[in-house]
Amino acid sequence: MTPGAACKRRGAAPESATVQVFTTSETLCRRCVVRCDTVVYLGGCVAAGCPSLYANERDGRTKLGCLHGIFTVEIDKDAFEAMQRTPGGFGALRAVRPPLPICQTAVDQAFEHRATGACINPDFLLSGSLHQIIVRMSPPDDDS
């Protein structure tokens, strides 16, 4: 059954979702003295309801992590929620694998002051930009 058919059957309106597109398989660039890393925002994972985000309880604490290993650390849920309430939010985690389309990503540049000219790998630098696609699921035609 297609998702649109499920919407029609339940009488619900077609759903829509906004996802990001990440277009490179690299997670870091070391081609010059500026060090660029792809970062993932855990707050984006939570807000998007990412199905790859897991919660694991250990020693009385709940840890959050990624099933696909996009980031490899486990974050304490209580500490994450406390940081999210601050003006700066929790912040970003370095991606060690290419992010999924649902991941909220950016490119973090360390030592940007060392740059002696234009970026020599602009494809990587632009890969962390926020590219959003709106996906609308519409009910199937009555002919089918």
N, C-alpha and C. Protein backbone atom coordinates (compact mmCIF):
# COMPACT_ATOMS: atom_id res chain seq x y z
N MET A 1 0.85 -1.17 0.00
CA MET A 1 0.00 0.00 0.00
C MET A 1 0.90 1.23 0.00
N THR A 2 0.59 2.19 -0.84
CA THR A 2 1.38 3.42 -0.89
C THR A 2 0.97 4.35 0.24
N PRO A 3 1.86 5.24 0.69
CA PRO A 3 1.48 6.16 1.76
C PRO A 3 0.28 7.01 1.38
N GLY A 4 0.19 7.43 0.13
CA GLY A 4 -0.96 8.22 -0.30
C GLY A 4 -2.25 7.45 -0.16
N ALA A 5 -2.21 6.14 -0.46
CA ALA A 5 -3.40 5.31 -0.33
C ALA A 5 -3.83 5.21 1.12
N ALA A 6 -2.85 5.13 2.01
CA ALA A 6 -3.17 5.06 3.44
C ALA A 6 -3.86 6.35 3.88
N CYS A 7 -3.39 7.52 3.38
CA CYS A 7 -4.02 8.79 3.72
C CYS A 7 -5.47 8.82 3.23
N LYS A 8 -5.67 8.35 2.00
CA LYS A 8 -7.01 8.37 1.42
C LYS A 8 -7.93 7.43 2.19
N ARG A 9 -7.41 6.26 2.54
CA ARG A 9 -8.23 5.27 3.24
C ARG A 9 -8.66 5.79 4.61
N ARG A 10 -7.76 6.48 5.30
CA ARG A 10 -8.08 6.99 6.63
C ARG A 10 -8.85 8.30 6.56
N GLY A 11 -8.94 8.88 5.36
CA GLY A 11 -9.64 10.14 5.23
C GLY A 11 -8.79 11.32 5.66
N ALA A 12 -7.50 11.12 5.82
CA ALA A 12 -6.60 12.19 6.25
C ALA A 12 -6.13 13.00 5.07
N ALA A 13 -5.71 14.20 5.34
CA ALA A 13 -5.13 15.05 4.29
C ALA A 13 -3.75 14.51 3.94
N PRO A 14 -3.29 14.72 2.71
CA PRO A 14 -1.95 14.28 2.35
C PRO A 14 -0.91 14.93 3.26
N GLU A 15 0.11 14.16 3.62
CA GLU A 15 1.15 14.64 4.50
C GLU A 15 2.22 15.35 3.69
N SER A 16 2.99 16.20 4.34
CA SER A 16 4.15 16.79 3.69
C SER A 16 5.29 16.80 4.70
N ALA A 17 6.49 16.75 4.20
CA ALA A 17 7.66 16.76 5.06
C ALA A 17 8.75 17.56 4.38
N THR A 18 9.60 18.18 5.17
CA THR A 18 10.74 18.90 4.64
C THR A 18 11.99 18.15 5.06
N VAL A 19 12.84 17.82 4.11
CA VAL A 19 14.08 17.11 4.40
C VAL A 19 15.23 17.84 3.74
N GLN A 20 16.43 17.62 4.26
CA GLN A 20 17.62 18.22 3.69
C GLN A 20 18.28 17.22 2.76
N VAL A 21 19.02 17.73 1.81
CA VAL A 21 19.78 16.89 0.90
C VAL A 21 21.25 17.18 1.10
N PHE A 22 22.03 16.16 1.32
CA PHE A 22 23.47 16.28 1.49
C PHE A 22 24.09 15.59 0.29
N THR A 23 24.90 16.30 -0.47
CA THR A 23 25.27 15.81 -1.79
C THR A 23 26.70 15.31 -1.94
N THR A 24 27.43 15.06 -0.88
CA THR A 24 28.78 14.55 -1.00
C THR A 24 28.98 13.39 -0.05
N SER A 25 29.92 12.51 -0.36
CA SER A 25 30.18 11.37 0.51
C SER A 25 31.33 11.67 1.48
N GLU A 26 31.94 12.83 1.36
CA GLU A 26 33.02 13.20 2.27
C GLU A 26 32.44 13.80 3.54
N THR A 27 33.13 13.59 4.67
CA THR A 27 32.70 14.22 5.91
C THR A 27 33.73 15.21 6.42
N LEU A 28 34.88 15.30 5.75
CA LEU A 28 35.88 16.29 6.12
C LEU A 28 36.72 16.66 4.92
N CYS A 29 37.34 17.83 5.00
CA CYS A 29 38.23 18.29 3.93
C CYS A 29 39.51 18.79 4.58
N ARG A 30 40.63 18.29 4.07
CA ARG A 30 41.94 18.69 4.58
C ARG A 30 42.85 19.15 3.44
N ARG A 31 42.28 19.73 2.39
CA ARG A 31 43.06 20.11 1.21
C ARG A 31 43.82 21.42 1.39
N CYS A 32 43.54 22.15 2.45
CA CYS A 32 44.28 23.39 2.71
C CYS A 32 44.46 23.53 4.22
N VAL A 33 44.95 24.68 4.66
CA VAL A 33 45.22 24.88 6.08
C VAL A 33 43.95 25.10 6.90
N VAL A 34 42.85 25.41 6.25
CA VAL A 34 41.56 25.50 6.94
C VAL A 34 41.04 24.07 7.05
N ARG A 35 40.60 23.67 8.21
CA ARG A 35 40.12 22.31 8.44
C ARG A 35 38.59 22.32 8.49
N CYS A 36 37.95 21.70 7.51
CA CYS A 36 36.49 21.69 7.41
C CYS A 36 35.94 20.32 7.78
N ASP A 37 34.91 20.31 8.60
CA ASP A 37 34.24 19.08 9.01
C ASP A 37 32.74 19.22 8.80
N THR A 38 32.12 18.13 8.40
CA THR A 38 30.66 18.09 8.35
C THR A 38 30.18 17.85 9.77
N VAL A 39 29.20 18.62 10.20
CA VAL A 39 28.63 18.45 11.53
C VAL A 39 27.13 18.19 11.41
N VAL A 40 26.60 17.48 12.39
CA VAL A 40 25.19 17.12 12.44
C VAL A 40 24.61 17.71 13.73
N TYR A 41 23.42 18.27 13.63
CA TYR A 41 22.76 18.85 14.79
C TYR A 41 21.79 17.83 15.39
N LEU A 42 22.09 17.38 16.61
CA LEU A 42 21.24 16.41 17.29
C LEU A 42 19.84 16.98 17.51
N GLY A 43 19.75 18.28 17.74
CA GLY A 43 18.42 18.91 17.87
C GLY A 43 17.59 18.74 16.62
N GLY A 44 18.24 18.73 15.46
CA GLY A 44 17.54 18.50 14.20
C GLY A 44 17.01 17.08 14.11
N CYS A 45 17.80 16.13 14.63
CA CYS A 45 17.36 14.72 14.65
C CYS A 45 16.10 14.57 15.48
N VAL A 46 16.10 15.20 16.65
CA VAL A 46 14.96 15.10 17.55
C VAL A 46 13.75 15.80 16.93
N ALA A 47 13.95 17.01 16.40
CA ALA A 47 12.84 17.78 15.81
C ALA A 47 12.23 17.06 14.61
N ALA A 48 13.06 16.40 13.82
CA ALA A 48 12.57 15.71 12.63
C ALA A 48 11.95 14.35 12.96
N GLY A 49 12.12 13.90 14.19
CA GLY A 49 11.62 12.57 14.55
C GLY A 49 12.38 11.49 13.81
N CYS A 50 13.67 11.66 13.68
CA CYS A 50 14.50 10.72 12.92
C CYS A 50 14.33 9.28 13.43
N PRO A 51 14.00 8.35 12.55
CA PRO A 51 13.82 6.96 12.98
C PRO A 51 15.14 6.29 13.34
N SER A 52 16.27 6.90 13.02
CA SER A 52 17.57 6.32 13.34
C SER A 52 18.09 6.78 14.70
N LEU A 53 17.40 7.69 15.35
CA LEU A 53 17.79 8.16 16.67
C LEU A 53 17.30 7.16 17.71
N TYR A 54 18.20 6.73 18.57
CA TYR A 54 17.79 5.78 19.60
C TYR A 54 18.06 6.33 20.99
N ALA A 55 17.36 5.79 21.97
CA ALA A 55 17.58 6.11 23.37
C ALA A 55 17.88 4.81 24.09
N ASN A 56 18.96 4.80 24.85
CA ASN A 56 19.41 3.61 25.54
C ASN A 56 19.61 3.95 27.01
N GLU A 57 18.97 3.22 27.90
CA GLU A 57 19.12 3.49 29.32
C GLU A 57 20.22 2.60 29.89
N ARG A 58 21.18 3.25 30.55
CA ARG A 58 22.30 2.54 31.14
C ARG A 58 22.69 3.25 32.43
N ASP A 59 22.83 2.50 33.50
CA ASP A 59 23.23 3.04 34.80
C ASP A 59 22.31 4.17 35.26
N GLY A 60 21.03 4.04 34.98
CA GLY A 60 20.05 5.03 35.40
C GLY A 60 20.03 6.30 34.57
N ARG A 61 20.80 6.36 33.51
CA ARG A 61 20.85 7.53 32.63
C ARG A 61 20.39 7.11 31.23
N THR A 62 19.71 8.02 30.52
CA THR A 62 19.28 7.75 29.16
C THR A 62 20.25 8.42 28.20
N LYS A 63 20.78 7.65 27.27
CA LYS A 63 21.74 8.13 26.28
C LYS A 63 21.08 8.14 24.91
N LEU A 64 21.37 9.17 24.11
CA LEU A 64 20.86 9.28 22.74
C LEU A 64 22.00 8.99 21.77
N GLY A 65 21.68 8.29 20.68
CA GLY A 65 22.70 7.98 19.68
C GLY A 65 22.06 7.75 18.32
N CYS A 66 22.91 7.49 17.33
CA CYS A 66 22.46 7.27 15.96
C CYS A 66 22.69 5.82 15.56
N LEU A 67 21.65 5.14 15.09
CA LEU A 67 21.76 3.75 14.67
C LEU A 67 22.70 3.57 13.49
N HIS A 68 22.80 4.59 12.64
CA HIS A 68 23.66 4.50 11.45
C HIS A 68 25.08 4.96 11.71
N GLY A 69 25.37 5.42 12.90
CA GLY A 69 26.71 5.85 13.24
C GLY A 69 27.14 7.12 12.53
N ILE A 70 26.19 7.98 12.17
CA ILE A 70 26.54 9.26 11.54
C ILE A 70 27.41 10.05 12.52
N PHE A 71 27.04 10.05 13.78
CA PHE A 71 27.92 10.51 14.86
C PHE A 71 28.06 9.32 15.80
N THR A 72 29.23 9.16 16.39
CA THR A 72 29.51 7.93 17.13
C THR A 72 29.38 8.06 18.63
N VAL A 73 29.21 9.26 19.14
CA VAL A 73 29.09 9.44 20.58
C VAL A 73 27.66 9.22 21.01
N GLU A 74 27.48 8.90 22.28
CA GLU A 74 26.16 8.84 22.88
C GLU A 74 26.05 10.04 23.82
N ILE A 75 24.95 10.76 23.73
CA ILE A 75 24.75 11.98 24.48
C ILE A 75 23.73 11.74 25.59
N ASP A 76 24.05 12.21 26.80
CA ASP A 76 23.13 12.11 27.92
C ASP A 76 21.88 12.94 27.61
N LYS A 77 20.71 12.31 27.66
CA LYS A 77 19.45 12.96 27.29
C LYS A 77 19.15 14.17 28.17
N ASP A 78 19.35 14.06 29.48
CA ASP A 78 19.06 15.17 30.39
C ASP A 78 19.98 16.36 30.10
N ALA A 79 21.27 16.09 29.86
CA ALA A 79 22.21 17.16 29.54
C ALA A 79 21.84 17.81 28.20
N PHE A 80 21.46 16.99 27.23
CA PHE A 80 21.05 17.51 25.92
C PHE A 80 19.85 18.44 26.07
N GLU A 81 18.83 18.00 26.80
CA GLU A 81 17.63 18.81 26.98
C GLU A 81 17.94 20.11 27.71
N ALA A 82 18.84 20.06 28.70
CA ALA A 82 19.22 21.28 29.42
C ALA A 82 19.94 22.26 28.48
N MET A 83 20.83 21.76 27.65
CA MET A 83 21.56 22.61 26.72
C MET A 83 20.62 23.18 25.64
N GLN A 84 19.64 22.40 25.21
CA GLN A 84 18.70 22.87 24.20
C GLN A 84 17.89 24.07 24.68
N ARG A 85 17.71 24.18 26.01
CA ARG A 85 16.95 25.29 26.57
C ARG A 85 17.76 26.58 26.64
N THR A 86 19.06 26.52 26.40
CA THR A 86 19.91 27.71 26.42
C THR A 86 19.81 28.43 25.08
N PRO A 87 20.18 29.71 25.00
CA PRO A 87 20.09 30.44 23.73
C PRO A 87 20.89 29.80 22.59
N GLY A 88 22.04 29.21 22.90
CA GLY A 88 22.86 28.60 21.85
C GLY A 88 22.45 27.19 21.48
N GLY A 89 21.57 26.59 22.27
CA GLY A 89 21.17 25.21 22.00
C GLY A 89 22.30 24.23 22.28
N PHE A 90 22.10 22.98 21.93
CA PHE A 90 23.10 21.94 22.20
C PHE A 90 24.32 22.07 21.30
N GLY A 91 24.12 22.44 20.07
CA GLY A 91 25.25 22.56 19.16
C GLY A 91 25.34 21.36 18.23
N ALA A 92 26.51 21.16 17.66
CA ALA A 92 26.69 20.17 16.61
C ALA A 92 27.65 19.06 17.03
N LEU A 93 27.53 17.93 16.34
CA LEU A 93 28.43 16.79 16.52
C LEU A 93 29.11 16.50 15.19
N ARG A 94 30.38 16.14 15.23
CA ARG A 94 31.11 15.85 13.99
C ARG A 94 30.57 14.57 13.37
N ALA A 95 30.26 14.63 12.08
CA ALA A 95 29.80 13.46 11.34
C ALA A 95 31.01 12.62 10.94
N VAL A 96 30.93 11.32 11.20
CA VAL A 96 32.02 10.43 10.80
C VAL A 96 31.62 9.56 9.61
N ARG A 97 30.36 9.63 9.25
CA ARG A 97 29.83 8.95 8.06
C ARG A 97 28.98 9.96 7.30
N PRO A 98 28.78 9.74 6.01
CA PRO A 98 27.92 10.68 5.26
C PRO A 98 26.52 10.72 5.86
N PRO A 99 26.02 11.93 6.17
CA PRO A 99 24.69 12.07 6.76
C PRO A 99 23.58 11.59 5.82
N LEU A 100 22.47 11.23 6.42
CA LEU A 100 21.27 10.83 5.68
C LEU A 100 20.52 12.09 5.26
N PRO A 101 19.61 11.98 4.31
CA PRO A 101 18.85 13.16 3.87
C PRO A 101 18.08 13.85 5.00
N ILE A 102 17.68 13.12 6.03
CA ILE A 102 16.92 13.73 7.12
C ILE A 102 17.81 14.52 8.08
N CYS A 103 19.11 14.30 8.03
CA CYS A 103 20.05 14.95 8.95
C CYS A 103 20.14 16.45 8.69
N GLN A 104 20.15 17.24 9.76
CA GLN A 104 20.39 18.68 9.65
C GLN A 104 21.90 18.86 9.78
N THR A 105 22.54 19.35 8.72
CA THR A 105 23.99 19.41 8.68
C THR A 105 24.51 20.80 8.36
N ALA A 106 25.79 20.97 8.56
CA ALA A 106 26.50 22.20 8.20
C ALA A 106 27.97 21.83 8.04
N VAL A 107 28.75 22.76 7.51
CA VAL A 107 30.20 22.59 7.44
C VAL A 107 30.81 23.54 8.46
N ASP A 108 31.60 22.98 9.37
CA ASP A 108 32.28 23.77 10.39
C ASP A 108 33.72 23.98 9.94
N GLN A 109 34.16 25.24 9.90
CA GLN A 109 35.51 25.55 9.46
C GLN A 109 36.37 25.95 10.66
N ALA A 110 37.38 25.14 10.94
CA ALA A 110 38.35 25.48 11.98
C ALA A 110 39.50 26.22 11.31
N PHE A 111 40.11 27.12 12.00
CA PHE A 111 41.27 27.88 11.50
C PHE A 111 40.94 28.66 10.23
N GLU A 112 39.72 29.17 10.14
CA GLU A 112 39.30 29.93 8.96
C GLU A 112 40.21 31.14 8.73
N HIS A 113 40.79 31.66 9.80
CA HIS A 113 41.67 32.82 9.69
C HIS A 113 42.97 32.51 8.93
N ARG A 114 43.28 31.23 8.75
CA ARG A 114 44.49 30.83 8.03
C ARG A 114 44.34 30.87 6.51
N ALA A 115 43.12 31.00 6.03
CA ALA A 115 42.87 30.95 4.58
C ALA A 115 43.67 32.02 3.86
N THR A 116 44.31 31.61 2.76
CA THR A 116 45.12 32.55 1.98
C THR A 116 44.44 32.94 0.68
N GLY A 117 43.28 32.45 0.43
CA GLY A 117 42.56 32.76 -0.80
C GLY A 117 41.20 32.08 -0.77
N ALA A 118 40.65 31.92 -1.96
CA ALA A 118 39.34 31.27 -2.08
C ALA A 118 39.45 29.79 -1.71
N CYS A 119 38.35 29.21 -1.31
CA CYS A 119 38.30 27.79 -0.97
C CYS A 119 38.70 26.96 -2.20
N ILE A 120 39.56 25.95 -1.99
CA ILE A 120 39.99 25.13 -3.11
C ILE A 120 39.11 23.89 -3.30
N ASN A 121 38.14 23.70 -2.41
CA ASN A 121 37.21 22.58 -2.52
C ASN A 121 35.78 23.10 -2.27
N PRO A 122 35.30 23.99 -3.14
CA PRO A 122 33.98 24.60 -2.89
C PRO A 122 32.83 23.60 -2.89
N ASP A 123 32.97 22.47 -3.58
CA ASP A 123 31.89 21.47 -3.56
C ASP A 123 31.66 20.97 -2.14
N PHE A 124 32.74 20.74 -1.41
CA PHE A 124 32.59 20.29 -0.02
C PHE A 124 32.02 21.41 0.83
N LEU A 125 32.54 22.60 0.67
CA LEU A 125 32.08 23.73 1.48
C LEU A 125 30.59 23.97 1.28
N LEU A 126 30.10 23.86 0.07
CA LEU A 126 28.68 24.07 -0.21
C LEU A 126 27.82 22.88 0.19
N SER A 127 28.44 21.71 0.38
CA SER A 127 27.66 20.51 0.71
C SER A 127 26.96 20.61 2.05
N GLY A 128 27.46 21.44 2.93
CA GLY A 128 26.82 21.58 4.23
C GLY A 128 25.73 22.62 4.25
N SER A 129 25.53 23.31 3.14
CA SER A 129 24.48 24.32 3.08
C SER A 129 23.13 23.65 3.25
N LEU A 130 22.19 24.43 3.72
CA LEU A 130 20.86 23.89 3.95
C LEU A 130 20.09 23.86 2.63
N HIS A 131 19.96 22.68 2.06
CA HIS A 131 19.16 22.47 0.87
C HIS A 131 17.92 21.73 1.34
N GLN A 132 16.77 22.30 1.14
CA GLN A 132 15.56 21.66 1.62
C GLN A 132 14.66 21.32 0.45
N ILE A 133 14.03 20.16 0.58
CA ILE A 133 13.07 19.69 -0.41
C ILE A 133 11.78 19.42 0.35
N ILE A 134 10.68 19.90 -0.18
CA ILE A 134 9.39 19.61 0.43
C ILE A 134 8.77 18.44 -0.33
N VAL A 135 8.46 17.39 0.39
CA VAL A 135 7.88 16.19 -0.20
C VAL A 135 6.42 16.16 0.19
N ARG A 136 5.54 16.15 -0.80
CA ARG A 136 4.10 16.07 -0.53
C ARG A 136 3.59 14.74 -1.03
N MET A 137 2.89 14.05 -0.16
CA MET A 137 2.30 12.78 -0.54
C MET A 137 0.84 13.05 -0.87
N SER A 138 0.45 12.76 -2.10
CA SER A 138 -0.93 13.01 -2.49
C SER A 138 -1.64 11.67 -2.68
N PRO A 139 -2.94 11.66 -2.46
CA PRO A 139 -3.69 10.41 -2.63
C PRO A 139 -3.65 9.98 -4.09
N PRO A 140 -3.71 8.69 -4.36
CA PRO A 140 -3.68 8.20 -5.73
C PRO A 140 -4.97 8.58 -6.46
N ASP A 141 -4.88 8.54 -7.77
CA ASP A 141 -6.06 8.82 -8.60
C ASP A 141 -7.13 7.77 -8.32
N ASP A 142 -8.38 8.14 -8.52
CA ASP A 142 -9.48 7.21 -8.30
C ASP A 142 -9.48 6.09 -9.34
N ASP A 143 -8.71 6.26 -10.44
CA ASP A 143 -8.68 5.25 -11.51
C ASP A 143 -8.01 3.96 -11.05
N SER A 144 -7.14 4.03 -10.08
CA SER A 144 -6.35 2.85 -9.72
C SER A 144 -7.01 1.93 -8.76
